[in-house]
Amino acid sequence: MVMGKALNGKSDAVNPHVLFDEGEIASAVTPRRGILFHNTKVKGIVVVVAAMAASSTALFAKDAGGVKAQIASERKGNTNVFEEARAATVAKTWKSPNGEELPYRLHVPAEPQPGKLYPLVIHMHGAGSWGTNNVDQIKTGGGDFISWAKRHGEEYVFLAPQTPCRCKWVDSPWESKKSTMKEKPTASLRMAMEIIDDAIARYPVDRDRIYVMGISMGGYAAWELMQRRPELFAAGLPCCGGGDVALAPRLKDIAIWAFHGSKDNAVPVCRSRDMVAAIKAAGGEKIHYREYEGRGHNVWSPTFSDEKVFEWLFSQRRQQAARR
């Protein structure tokens, strides 16, 4: 039997099926997934430990297949969710002033109400979805959000840019334990920022509810977008990525919920741990962290299967101090 344990050494002797989450935002996942969560208030960085039922052993299994298996997992996605997301979005191509182009998917409310503003959700995909077909980027993560929004009757504006093969969002080795943000973003990230600015100007976007989410390579992108434009974002969901700890003070007013697997063999888990610690040290009180004990690189599957994650995201609003 596995006991839930936080970094401070405490454990939950009442329920061995425990997820310790920052700030009492742990939440129950549907019983069919075989995971039981227990709300527990814990100070500091925490580690998630879950005892698994037989039906969900694969969900939290160690990453035996390595990075290639995880990329394959992202490419596969959920067929039903993917088809739903494809139907809900349109394929567009951004043409940068310098002549460069970047494909992206877009969703806007079909019949926006006069005077009403809608949250903007930006999804940054991982390496398993790079290319130019302008559809793979919504197979994982973005599609999960669109499916959740449909089930809950939420209206929104949605963007999912796609970077070409072998073109990273962020110029940083994934296996490195730390990195420094470059003076200028990569061409793909710069164009993604241009797409975001255009959407804000063109569509009825609530500027106090702009959210970014990203997985793996896209997790790096989510961190960097928030670091480059901290005044823009209300919240972020970076999964198994990393940022520049020296720039953590820029993020202290943004609500961030980060996710990582303790056995990640593609992106070191210290990338998320160090960012969380640095933001806390800078006075950030809106940073949350969930670490999956024994899990490899793919933490997006359990994260985006937890509907409370998107509920939390949609409850966040930009702080008055962050407005310009």
C-alpha atoms as a PDB file:
ATOM      1  CA  MET A   1       0.000   0.000   0.000  1.00  0.00           C
ATOM      2  CA  VAL A   2       1.352   3.440  -0.968  1.00  0.00           C
ATOM      3  CA  MET A   3       0.890   6.288   1.451  1.00  0.00           C
ATOM      4  CA  GLY A   4       0.487   9.892   0.292  1.00  0.00           C
ATOM      5  CA  LYS A   5       3.554  11.823   1.371  1.00  0.00           C
ATOM      6  CA  ALA A   6       4.466  15.486   1.135  1.00  0.00           C
ATOM      7  CA  LEU A   7       8.018  16.822   1.057  1.00  0.00           C
ATOM      8  CA  ASN A   8       7.700  17.750   4.701  1.00  0.00           C
ATOM      9  CA  GLY A   9       7.451  14.032   5.526  1.00  0.00           C
ATOM     10  CA  LYS A  10       3.805  14.050   6.567  1.00  0.00           C
ATOM     11  CA  SER A  11       1.469  11.364   5.303  1.00  0.00           C
ATOM     12  CA  ASP A  12      -2.227  10.715   5.315  1.00  0.00           C
ATOM     13  CA  ALA A  13      -2.959   7.715   7.514  1.00  0.00           C
ATOM     14  CA  VAL A  14      -6.693   7.987   6.880  1.00  0.00           C
ATOM     15  CA  ASN A  15      -6.804   7.441   3.146  1.00  0.00           C
ATOM     16  CA  PRO A  16      -3.876   5.823   1.315  1.00  0.00           C
ATOM     17  CA  HIS A  17      -5.288   6.961  -2.034  1.00  0.00           C
ATOM     18  CA  VAL A  18      -4.140  10.525  -1.624  1.00  0.00           C
ATOM     19  CA  LEU A  19      -3.183  13.391  -3.834  1.00  0.00           C
ATOM     20  CA  PHE A  20      -1.587  16.246  -1.938  1.00  0.00           C
ATOM     21  CA  ASP A  21      -2.106  19.444  -3.858  1.00  0.00           C
ATOM     22  CA  GLU A  22      -1.097  23.006  -3.183  1.00  0.00           C
ATOM     23  CA  GLY A  23      -3.598  25.321  -1.512  1.00  0.00           C
ATOM     24  CA  GLU A  24      -6.409  22.797  -1.080  1.00  0.00           C
ATOM     25  CA  ILE A  25      -7.145  22.559  -4.791  1.00  0.00           C
ATOM     26  CA  ALA A  26      -6.872  18.788  -4.942  1.00  0.00           C
ATOM     27  CA  SER A  27      -9.955  17.333  -6.538  1.00  0.00           C
ATOM     28  CA  ALA A  28     -11.769  14.068  -7.047  1.00  0.00           C
ATOM     29  CA  VAL A  29     -11.436  12.253 -10.322  1.00  0.00           C
ATOM     30  CA  THR A  30     -14.226  10.033 -11.590  1.00  0.00           C
ATOM     31  CA  PRO A  31     -14.212   6.596  -9.902  1.00  0.00           C
ATOM     32  CA  ARG A  32     -13.931   4.820 -13.253  1.00  0.00           C
ATOM     33  CA  ARG A  33     -10.351   6.031 -13.468  1.00  0.00           C
ATOM     34  CA  GLY A  34      -9.508   4.175 -10.293  1.00  0.00           C
ATOM     35  CA  ILE A  35      -8.037   7.134  -8.460  1.00  0.00           C
ATOM     36  CA  LEU A  36      -9.325   8.542  -5.232  1.00  0.00           C
ATOM     37  CA  PHE A  37      -8.172  11.982  -4.151  1.00  0.00           C
ATOM     38  CA  HIS A  38      -8.337  13.552  -0.759  1.00  0.00           C
ATOM     39  CA  ASN A  39      -8.233  17.283  -0.075  1.00  0.00           C
ATOM     40  CA  THR A  40      -5.337  18.040   2.212  1.00  0.00           C
ATOM     41  CA  LYS A  41      -3.837  21.406   3.090  1.00  0.00           C
ATOM     42  CA  VAL A  42      -0.081  21.299   2.690  1.00  0.00           C
ATOM     43  CA  LYS A  43       2.474  24.113   2.821  1.00  0.00           C
ATOM     44  CA  GLY A  44       5.311  24.299   0.299  1.00  0.00           C
ATOM     45  CA  ILE A  45       5.990  22.167  -2.727  1.00  0.00           C
ATOM     46  CA  VAL A  46       4.205  18.850  -2.644  1.00  0.00           C
ATOM     47  CA  VAL A  47       4.524  15.454  -4.214  1.00  0.00           C
ATOM     48  CA  VAL A  48       1.545  13.564  -5.524  1.00  0.00           C
ATOM     49  CA  VAL A  49       1.325   9.916  -4.565  1.00  0.00           C
ATOM     50  CA  ALA A  50      -1.623   7.808  -5.670  1.00  0.00           C
ATOM     51  CA  ALA A  51      -2.394   4.160  -5.075  1.00  0.00           C
ATOM     52  CA  MET A  52      -3.766   2.757  -8.277  1.00  0.00           C
ATOM     53  CA  ALA A  53      -6.600   0.368  -8.912  1.00  0.00           C
ATOM     54  CA  ALA A  54      -5.926  -2.406 -11.416  1.00  0.00           C
ATOM     55  CA  SER A  55      -8.037  -0.731 -14.104  1.00  0.00           C
ATOM     56  CA  SER A  56      -5.808   2.363 -14.125  1.00  0.00           C
ATOM     57  CA  THR A  57      -2.356   0.867 -13.693  1.00  0.00           C
ATOM     58  CA  ALA A  58      -1.348   2.011 -17.166  1.00  0.00           C
ATOM     59  CA  LEU A  59      -2.375   5.587 -16.455  1.00  0.00           C
ATOM     60  CA  PHE A  60       0.340   6.103 -13.852  1.00  0.00           C
ATOM     61  CA  ALA A  61       2.788   3.452 -15.082  1.00  0.00           C
ATOM     62  CA  LYS A  62       6.440   4.405 -15.308  1.00  0.00           C
ATOM     63  CA  ASP A  63       7.578   5.633 -18.686  1.00  0.00           C
ATOM     64  CA  ALA A  64       9.025   2.328 -19.867  1.00  0.00           C
ATOM     65  CA  GLY A  65       8.863   3.314 -23.505  1.00  0.00           C
ATOM     66  CA  GLY A  66      10.886   6.497 -23.133  1.00  0.00           C
ATOM     67  CA  VAL A  67      10.461   9.742 -24.961  1.00  0.00           C
ATOM     68  CA  LYS A  68       9.463   8.194 -28.306  1.00  0.00           C
ATOM     69  CA  ALA A  69       6.537   6.446 -26.657  1.00  0.00           C
ATOM     70  CA  GLN A  70       5.353   9.694 -25.125  1.00  0.00           C
ATOM     71  CA  ILE A  71       5.573  11.517 -28.439  1.00  0.00           C
ATOM     72  CA  ALA A  72       3.552   8.688 -29.977  1.00  0.00           C
ATOM     73  CA  SER A  73       1.019   9.111 -27.160  1.00  0.00           C
ATOM     74  CA  GLU A  74       0.606  12.787 -27.967  1.00  0.00           C
ATOM     75  CA  ARG A  75       0.220  12.080 -31.673  1.00  0.00           C
ATOM     76  CA  LYS A  76      -2.421   9.440 -31.052  1.00  0.00           C
ATOM     77  CA  GLY A  77      -4.612  11.484 -28.730  1.00  0.00           C
ATOM     78  CA  ASN A  78      -8.249  10.629 -28.141  1.00  0.00           C
ATOM     79  CA  THR A  79     -10.069  10.075 -31.424  1.00  0.00           C
ATOM     80  CA  ASN A  80     -13.475  11.269 -30.211  1.00  0.00           C
ATOM     81  CA  VAL A  81     -12.031  14.353 -28.542  1.00  0.00           C
ATOM     82  CA  PHE A  82      -9.929  15.099 -31.596  1.00  0.00           C
ATOM     83  CA  GLU A  83     -12.860  14.933 -34.012  1.00  0.00           C
ATOM     84  CA  GLU A  84     -14.896  17.126 -31.711  1.00  0.00           C
ATOM     85  CA  ALA A  85     -12.092  19.686 -31.536  1.00  0.00           C
ATOM     86  CA  ARG A  86     -11.548  19.650 -35.283  1.00  0.00           C
ATOM     87  CA  ALA A  87     -15.239  20.297 -35.874  1.00  0.00           C
ATOM     88  CA  ALA A  88     -15.226  23.161 -33.368  1.00  0.00           C
ATOM     89  CA  THR A  89     -12.230  24.967 -34.891  1.00  0.00           C
ATOM     90  CA  VAL A  90     -11.202  26.344 -38.264  1.00  0.00           C
ATOM     91  CA  ALA A  91      -7.769  26.132 -39.877  1.00  0.00           C
ATOM     92  CA  LYS A  92      -6.094  29.453 -40.526  1.00  0.00           C
ATOM     93  CA  THR A  93      -2.626  30.644 -41.513  1.00  0.00           C
ATOM     94  CA  TRP A  94      -0.905  33.623 -39.956  1.00  0.00           C
ATOM     95  CA  LYS A  95       1.159  35.743 -42.323  1.00  0.00           C
ATOM     96  CA  SER A  96       3.778  37.716 -40.437  1.00  0.00           C
ATOM     97  CA  PRO A  97       4.760  41.205 -41.641  1.00  0.00           C
ATOM     98  CA  ASN A  98       8.173  39.806 -42.625  1.00  0.00           C
ATOM     99  CA  GLY A  99       6.580  37.179 -44.892  1.00  0.00           C
ATOM    100  CA  GLU A 100       6.829  34.168 -42.559  1.00  0.00           C
ATOM    101  CA  GLU A 101       3.776  31.990 -41.994  1.00  0.00           C
ATOM    102  CA  LEU A 102       2.458  29.859 -39.131  1.00  0.00           C
ATOM    103  CA  PRO A 103      -0.649  27.625 -39.213  1.00  0.00           C
ATOM    104  CA  TYR A 104      -3.129  27.733 -36.333  1.00  0.00           C
ATOM    105  CA  ARG A 105      -6.585  26.569 -35.319  1.00  0.00           C
ATOM    106  CA  LEU A 106      -9.186  29.054 -34.153  1.00  0.00           C
ATOM    107  CA  HIS A 107     -12.526  28.912 -32.378  1.00  0.00           C
ATOM    108  CA  VAL A 108     -14.773  31.881 -31.699  1.00  0.00           C
ATOM    109  CA  PRO A 109     -18.370  31.840 -30.446  1.00  0.00           C
ATOM    110  CA  ALA A 110     -20.732  31.229 -33.357  1.00  0.00           C
ATOM    111  CA  GLU A 111     -23.132  33.917 -32.184  1.00  0.00           C
ATOM    112  CA  PRO A 112     -21.342  36.239 -29.764  1.00  0.00           C
ATOM    113  CA  GLN A 113     -23.660  38.306 -27.639  1.00  0.00           C
ATOM    114  CA  PRO A 114     -23.371  42.066 -28.167  1.00  0.00           C
ATOM    115  CA  GLY A 115     -21.135  43.582 -25.519  1.00  0.00           C
ATOM    116  CA  LYS A 116     -20.137  40.242 -24.017  1.00  0.00           C
ATOM    117  CA  LEU A 117     -16.465  39.324 -23.665  1.00  0.00           C
ATOM    118  CA  TYR A 118     -15.112  35.781 -23.690  1.00  0.00           C
ATOM    119  CA  PRO A 119     -12.057  34.111 -22.157  1.00  0.00           C
ATOM    120  CA  LEU A 120      -9.174  33.397 -24.519  1.00  0.00           C
ATOM    121  CA  VAL A 121      -7.430  30.014 -24.223  1.00  0.00           C
ATOM    122  CA  ILE A 122      -4.106  29.449 -25.982  1.00  0.00           C
ATOM    123  CA  HIS A 123      -2.817  25.895 -26.363  1.00  0.00           C
ATOM    124  CA  MET A 124       0.867  25.272 -27.121  1.00  0.00           C
ATOM    125  CA  HIS A 125       1.471  21.746 -28.383  1.00  0.00           C
ATOM    126  CA  GLY A 126       4.421  19.418 -27.806  1.00  0.00           C
ATOM    127  CA  ALA A 127       6.927  17.861 -30.210  1.00  0.00           C
ATOM    128  CA  GLY A 128       4.546  15.028 -31.029  1.00  0.00           C
ATOM    129  CA  SER A 129       2.289  17.509 -32.839  1.00  0.00           C
ATOM    130  CA  TRP A 130       4.707  19.682 -34.769  1.00  0.00           C
ATOM    131  CA  GLY A 131       4.307  19.895 -38.530  1.00  0.00           C
ATOM    132  CA  THR A 132       2.294  21.831 -41.076  1.00  0.00           C
ATOM    133  CA  ASN A 133      -0.963  19.880 -41.407  1.00  0.00           C
ATOM    134  CA  ASN A 134      -2.688  22.359 -39.067  1.00  0.00           C
ATOM    135  CA  VAL A 135      -4.655  19.736 -37.191  1.00  0.00           C
ATOM    136  CA  ASP A 136      -2.339  17.577 -35.066  1.00  0.00           C
ATOM    137  CA  GLN A 137      -1.884  20.365 -32.510  1.00  0.00           C
ATOM    138  CA  ILE A 138      -5.417  19.886 -31.163  1.00  0.00           C
ATOM    139  CA  LYS A 139      -5.204  16.125 -30.668  1.00  0.00           C
ATOM    140  CA  THR A 140      -3.928  16.405 -27.107  1.00  0.00           C
ATOM    141  CA  GLY A 141      -4.572  19.085 -24.513  1.00  0.00           C
ATOM    142  CA  GLY A 142      -6.411  21.556 -26.691  1.00  0.00           C
ATOM    143  CA  GLY A 143      -8.973  18.971 -27.691  1.00  0.00           C
ATOM    144  CA  ASP A 144      -9.455  18.025 -24.049  1.00  0.00           C
ATOM    145  CA  PHE A 145     -10.233  21.632 -23.218  1.00  0.00           C
ATOM    146  CA  ILE A 146     -12.707  22.003 -26.096  1.00  0.00           C
ATOM    147  CA  SER A 147     -14.469  18.809 -25.010  1.00  0.00           C
ATOM    148  CA  TRP A 148     -14.683  20.074 -21.421  1.00  0.00           C
ATOM    149  CA  ALA A 149     -16.040  23.461 -22.529  1.00  0.00           C
ATOM    150  CA  LYS A 150     -18.730  21.816 -24.645  1.00  0.00           C
ATOM    151  CA  ARG A 151     -19.856  19.575 -21.781  1.00  0.00           C
ATOM    152  CA  HIS A 152     -20.097  22.541 -19.432  1.00  0.00           C
ATOM    153  CA  GLY A 153     -21.654  24.996 -21.848  1.00  0.00           C
ATOM    154  CA  GLU A 154     -18.733  27.423 -21.747  1.00  0.00           C
ATOM    155  CA  GLU A 155     -18.144  29.921 -24.543  1.00  0.00           C
ATOM    156  CA  TYR A 156     -14.604  30.997 -25.353  1.00  0.00           C
ATOM    157  CA  VAL A 157     -12.055  32.062 -27.946  1.00  0.00           C
ATOM    158  CA  PHE A 158      -9.399  29.427 -28.634  1.00  0.00           C
ATOM    159  CA  LEU A 159      -6.044  29.485 -30.416  1.00  0.00           C
ATOM    160  CA  ALA A 160      -3.694  26.594 -31.167  1.00  0.00           C
ATOM    161  CA  PRO A 161      -0.684  27.497 -33.327  1.00  0.00           C
ATOM    162  CA  GLN A 162       1.481  24.760 -34.892  1.00  0.00           C
ATOM    163  CA  THR A 163       5.241  24.980 -35.216  1.00  0.00           C
ATOM    164  CA  PRO A 164       6.998  23.184 -38.122  1.00  0.00           C
ATOM    165  CA  CYS A 165       8.889  19.920 -37.607  1.00  0.00           C
ATOM    166  CA  ARG A 166      12.136  20.322 -35.684  1.00  0.00           C
ATOM    167  CA  CYS A 167      11.319  23.938 -34.857  1.00  0.00           C
ATOM    168  CA  LYS A 168      11.095  24.389 -31.109  1.00  0.00           C
ATOM    169  CA  TRP A 169       8.899  26.983 -29.493  1.00  0.00           C
ATOM    170  CA  VAL A 170      11.742  27.768 -27.099  1.00  0.00           C
ATOM    171  CA  ASP A 171      15.448  27.544 -27.941  1.00  0.00           C
ATOM    172  CA  SER A 172      16.481  25.421 -24.979  1.00  0.00           C
ATOM    173  CA  PRO A 173      17.707  21.806 -24.683  1.00  0.00           C
ATOM    174  CA  TRP A 174      14.853  19.786 -23.175  1.00  0.00           C
ATOM    175  CA  GLU A 175      17.202  17.659 -21.077  1.00  0.00           C
ATOM    176  CA  SER A 176      18.952  20.639 -19.438  1.00  0.00           C
ATOM    177  CA  LYS A 177      18.299  21.369 -15.776  1.00  0.00           C
ATOM    178  CA  LYS A 178      18.164  25.122 -16.254  1.00  0.00           C
ATOM    179  CA  SER A 179      17.973  27.675 -19.022  1.00  0.00           C
ATOM    180  CA  THR A 180      18.161  31.405 -19.657  1.00  0.00           C
ATOM    181  CA  MET A 181      15.530  33.107 -21.765  1.00  0.00           C
ATOM    182  CA  LYS A 182      17.015  34.523 -24.961  1.00  0.00           C
ATOM    183  CA  GLU A 183      16.689  38.214 -25.778  1.00  0.00           C
ATOM    184  CA  LYS A 184      14.398  37.423 -28.698  1.00  0.00           C
ATOM    185  CA  PRO A 185      11.888  34.576 -29.039  1.00  0.00           C
ATOM    186  CA  THR A 186      12.144  31.929 -31.747  1.00  0.00           C
ATOM    187  CA  ALA A 187      10.389  32.732 -35.011  1.00  0.00           C
ATOM    188  CA  SER A 188       7.559  30.329 -34.175  1.00  0.00           C
ATOM    189  CA  LEU A 189       6.959  31.786 -30.713  1.00  0.00           C
ATOM    190  CA  ARG A 190       7.151  35.324 -32.065  1.00  0.00           C
ATOM    191  CA  MET A 191       4.465  34.513 -34.627  1.00  0.00           C
ATOM    192  CA  ALA A 192       2.369  32.822 -31.940  1.00  0.00           C
ATOM    193  CA  MET A 193       2.531  36.083 -29.986  1.00  0.00           C
ATOM    194  CA  GLU A 194       1.464  37.980 -33.091  1.00  0.00           C
ATOM    195  CA  ILE A 195      -1.508  35.634 -33.493  1.00  0.00           C
ATOM    196  CA  ILE A 196      -2.485  36.201 -29.867  1.00  0.00           C
ATOM    197  CA  ASP A 197      -2.308  39.993 -30.212  1.00  0.00           C
ATOM    198  CA  ASP A 198      -4.352  39.878 -33.411  1.00  0.00           C
ATOM    199  CA  ALA A 199      -7.044  37.729 -31.771  1.00  0.00           C
ATOM    200  CA  ILE A 200      -7.292  40.095 -28.802  1.00  0.00           C
ATOM    201  CA  ALA A 201      -7.768  43.049 -31.163  1.00  0.00           C
ATOM    202  CA  ARG A 202     -10.117  41.252 -33.560  1.00  0.00           C
ATOM    203  CA  TYR A 203     -12.440  39.205 -31.321  1.00  0.00           C
ATOM    204  CA  PRO A 204     -14.482  39.920 -28.152  1.00  0.00           C
ATOM    205  CA  VAL A 205     -11.793  38.759 -25.719  1.00  0.00           C
ATOM    206  CA  ASP A 206     -12.012  39.377 -21.985  1.00  0.00           C
ATOM    207  CA  ARG A 207      -8.563  40.796 -21.291  1.00  0.00           C
ATOM    208  CA  ASP A 208      -8.793  39.773 -17.664  1.00  0.00           C
ATOM    209  CA  ARG A 209      -9.278  36.122 -18.637  1.00  0.00           C
ATOM    210  CA  ILE A 210      -6.456  35.178 -20.993  1.00  0.00           C
ATOM    211  CA  TYR A 211      -5.084  31.698 -20.317  1.00  0.00           C
ATOM    212  CA  VAL A 212      -2.182  29.710 -21.725  1.00  0.00           C
ATOM    213  CA  MET A 213      -1.670  25.960 -21.507  1.00  0.00           C
ATOM    214  CA  GLY A 214       1.093  23.804 -22.915  1.00  0.00           C
ATOM    215  CA  ILE A 215       2.537  20.302 -22.817  1.00  0.00           C
ATOM    216  CA  SER A 216       6.200  19.273 -22.974  1.00  0.00           C
ATOM    217  CA  MET A 217       7.774  21.529 -25.646  1.00  0.00           C
ATOM    218  CA  GLY A 218       4.590  23.545 -25.314  1.00  0.00           C
ATOM    219  CA  GLY A 219       5.104  23.618 -21.546  1.00  0.00           C
ATOM    220  CA  TYR A 220       8.318  25.522 -22.193  1.00  0.00           C
ATOM    221  CA  ALA A 221       6.340  27.816 -24.489  1.00  0.00           C
ATOM    222  CA  ALA A 222       3.690  28.449 -21.844  1.00  0.00           C
ATOM    223  CA  TRP A 223       6.342  29.433 -19.295  1.00  0.00           C
ATOM    224  CA  GLU A 224       8.117  31.709 -21.782  1.00  0.00           C
ATOM    225  CA  LEU A 225       4.958  33.411 -22.990  1.00  0.00           C
ATOM    226  CA  MET A 226       4.122  34.289 -19.397  1.00  0.00           C
ATOM    227  CA  GLN A 227       7.687  35.484 -18.801  1.00  0.00           C
ATOM    228  CA  ARG A 228       7.690  37.689 -21.913  1.00  0.00           C
ATOM    229  CA  ARG A 229       4.156  39.037 -21.427  1.00  0.00           C
ATOM    230  CA  PRO A 230       3.330  38.763 -17.710  1.00  0.00           C
ATOM    231  CA  GLU A 231       0.875  41.645 -17.909  1.00  0.00           C
ATOM    232  CA  LEU A 232      -1.209  39.725 -20.444  1.00  0.00           C
ATOM    233  CA  PHE A 233      -2.066  36.474 -18.680  1.00  0.00           C
ATOM    234  CA  ALA A 234      -4.491  35.676 -15.890  1.00  0.00           C
ATOM    235  CA  ALA A 235      -3.417  32.032 -15.569  1.00  0.00           C
ATOM    236  CA  GLY A 236      -1.322  29.247 -17.034  1.00  0.00           C
ATOM    237  CA  LEU A 237      -1.210  25.443 -17.098  1.00  0.00           C
ATOM    238  CA  PRO A 238       2.358  24.388 -18.000  1.00  0.00           C
ATOM    239  CA  CYS A 239       2.804  20.604 -18.163  1.00  0.00           C
ATOM    240  CA  CYS A 240       6.278  19.029 -17.976  1.00  0.00           C
ATOM    241  CA  GLY A 241       8.116  22.125 -19.167  1.00  0.00           C
ATOM    242  CA  GLY A 242      10.476  24.683 -17.691  1.00  0.00           C
ATOM    243  CA  GLY A 243      11.302  28.368 -17.574  1.00  0.00           C
ATOM    244  CA  ASP A 244      13.985  30.823 -16.511  1.00  0.00           C
ATOM    245  CA  VAL A 245      14.091  30.908 -12.709  1.00  0.00           C
ATOM    246  CA  ALA A 246      15.778  34.322 -12.806  1.00  0.00           C
ATOM    247  CA  LEU A 247      12.575  35.729 -14.285  1.00  0.00           C
ATOM    248  CA  ALA A 248      10.290  34.180 -11.675  1.00  0.00           C
ATOM    249  CA  PRO A 249       9.469  37.583 -10.113  1.00  0.00           C
ATOM    250  CA  ARG A 250       7.640  38.461 -13.332  1.00  0.00           C
ATOM    251  CA  LEU A 251       5.217  35.611 -12.701  1.00  0.00           C
ATOM    252  CA  LYS A 252       4.273  36.220  -9.084  1.00  0.00           C
ATOM    253  CA  ASP A 253       0.898  37.812  -9.938  1.00  0.00           C
ATOM    254  CA  ILE A 254      -0.173  35.117 -12.428  1.00  0.00           C
ATOM    255  CA  ALA A 255      -2.208  32.124 -11.271  1.00  0.00           C
ATOM    256  CA  ILE A 256      -0.165  29.106 -12.380  1.00  0.00           C
ATOM    257  CA  TRP A 257      -0.814  25.409 -11.873  1.00  0.00           C
ATOM    258  CA  ALA A 258       2.204  23.401 -13.006  1.00  0.00           C
ATOM    259  CA  PHE A 259       2.387  19.618 -13.520  1.00  0.00           C
ATOM    260  CA  HIS A 260       5.284  17.170 -13.808  1.00  0.00           C
ATOM    261  CA  GLY A 261       6.117  13.490 -13.364  1.00  0.00           C
ATOM    262  CA  SER A 262       8.784  12.558 -10.830  1.00  0.00           C
ATOM    263  CA  LYS A 263      10.329  10.042 -13.254  1.00  0.00           C
ATOM    264  CA  ASP A 264      10.259  12.224 -16.365  1.00  0.00           C
ATOM    265  CA  ASN A 265      13.127  11.122 -18.612  1.00  0.00           C
ATOM    266  CA  ALA A 266      12.566  13.805 -21.249  1.00  0.00           C
ATOM    267  CA  VAL A 267      12.317  17.017 -19.207  1.00  0.00           C
ATOM    268  CA  PRO A 268      13.905  16.915 -15.720  1.00  0.00           C
ATOM    269  CA  VAL A 269      11.348  17.301 -12.958  1.00  0.00           C
ATOM    270  CA  CYS A 270      13.550  19.969 -11.382  1.00  0.00           C
ATOM    271  CA  ARG A 271      12.454  22.325 -14.185  1.00  0.00           C
ATOM    272  CA  SER A 272       8.971  22.592 -12.651  1.00  0.00           C
ATOM    273  CA  ARG A 273      10.113  22.268  -9.037  1.00  0.00           C
ATOM    274  CA  ASP A 274      12.648  25.073  -9.433  1.00  0.00           C
ATOM    275  CA  MET A 275      10.182  27.408 -11.140  1.00  0.00           C
ATOM    276  CA  VAL A 276       7.609  26.856  -8.406  1.00  0.00           C
ATOM    277  CA  ALA A 277      10.185  27.446  -5.663  1.00  0.00           C
ATOM    278  CA  ALA A 278      11.505  30.594  -7.369  1.00  0.00           C
ATOM    279  CA  ILE A 279       8.031  32.085  -7.777  1.00  0.00           C
ATOM    280  CA  LYS A 280       7.277  31.402  -4.129  1.00  0.00           C
ATOM    281  CA  ALA A 281      10.571  33.001  -3.124  1.00  0.00           C
ATOM    282  CA  ALA A 282       9.616  36.075  -5.171  1.00  0.00           C
ATOM    283  CA  GLY A 283       6.416  36.430  -3.151  1.00  0.00           C
ATOM    284  CA  GLY A 284       4.068  34.606  -5.476  1.00  0.00           C
ATOM    285  CA  GLU A 285       0.973  33.296  -3.726  1.00  0.00           C
ATOM    286  CA  LYS A 286      -0.949  32.029  -6.760  1.00  0.00           C
ATOM    287  CA  ILE A 287       1.417  29.246  -7.774  1.00  0.00           C
ATOM    288  CA  HIS A 288       0.259  25.637  -7.477  1.00  0.00           C
ATOM    289  CA  TYR A 289       2.069  22.419  -8.299  1.00  0.00           C
ATOM    290  CA  ARG A 290       1.057  18.818  -8.791  1.00  0.00           C
ATOM    291  CA  GLU A 291       3.771  16.200  -9.146  1.00  0.00           C
ATOM    292  CA  TYR A 292       2.892  12.658 -10.142  1.00  0.00           C
ATOM    293  CA  GLU A 293       5.036  10.208  -8.200  1.00  0.00           C
ATOM    294  CA  GLY A 294       6.522   7.459 -10.377  1.00  0.00           C
ATOM    295  CA  ARG A 295       5.130   8.857 -13.622  1.00  0.00           C
ATOM    296  CA  GLY A 296       7.234   9.652 -16.687  1.00  0.00           C
ATOM    297  CA  HIS A 297       6.846  12.391 -19.250  1.00  0.00           C
ATOM    298  CA  ASN A 298       3.152  12.067 -20.061  1.00  0.00           C
ATOM    299  CA  VAL A 299       1.382  13.962 -17.309  1.00  0.00           C
ATOM    300  CA  TRP A 300      -1.077  15.622 -19.653  1.00  0.00           C
ATOM    301  CA  SER A 301      -3.346  12.566 -19.758  1.00  0.00           C
ATOM    302  CA  PRO A 302      -4.200  12.503 -16.034  1.00  0.00           C
ATOM    303  CA  THR A 303      -4.058  16.288 -15.787  1.00  0.00           C
ATOM    304  CA  PHE A 304      -6.564  17.069 -18.516  1.00  0.00           C
ATOM    305  CA  SER A 305      -8.758  14.133 -17.500  1.00  0.00           C
ATOM    306  CA  ASP A 306      -9.294  15.934 -14.203  1.00  0.00           C
ATOM    307  CA  GLU A 307     -12.145  18.321 -14.964  1.00  0.00           C
ATOM    308  CA  LYS A 308     -11.326  20.400 -11.898  1.00  0.00           C
ATOM    309  CA  VAL A 309      -8.203  21.622 -13.709  1.00  0.00           C
ATOM    310  CA  PHE A 310     -10.213  23.507 -16.340  1.00  0.00           C
ATOM    311  CA  GLU A 311     -12.740  24.614 -13.737  1.00  0.00           C
ATOM    312  CA  TRP A 312      -9.877  26.150 -11.799  1.00  0.00           C
ATOM    313  CA  LEU A 313      -8.495  27.764 -14.961  1.00  0.00           C
ATOM    314  CA  PHE A 314     -11.782  29.412 -15.849  1.00  0.00           C
ATOM    315  CA  SER A 315     -12.168  30.804 -12.331  1.00  0.00           C
ATOM    316  CA  GLN A 316      -8.974  32.871 -12.617  1.00  0.00           C
ATOM    317  CA  ARG A 317      -8.878  36.565 -13.422  1.00  0.00           C
ATOM    318  CA  ARG A 318      -5.988  38.924 -13.928  1.00  0.00           C
ATOM    319  CA  GLN A 319      -5.045  40.883 -10.853  1.00  0.00           C
ATOM    320  CA  GLN A 320      -5.578  44.630 -10.834  1.00  0.00           C
ATOM    321  CA  ALA A 321      -1.839  45.197 -10.195  1.00  0.00           C
ATOM    322  CA  ALA A 322      -0.927  43.336 -13.399  1.00  0.00           C
ATOM    323  CA  ARG A 323      -3.064  45.531 -15.680  1.00  0.00           C
ATOM    324  CA  ARG A 324      -1.403  48.106 -17.861  1.00  0.00           C
END
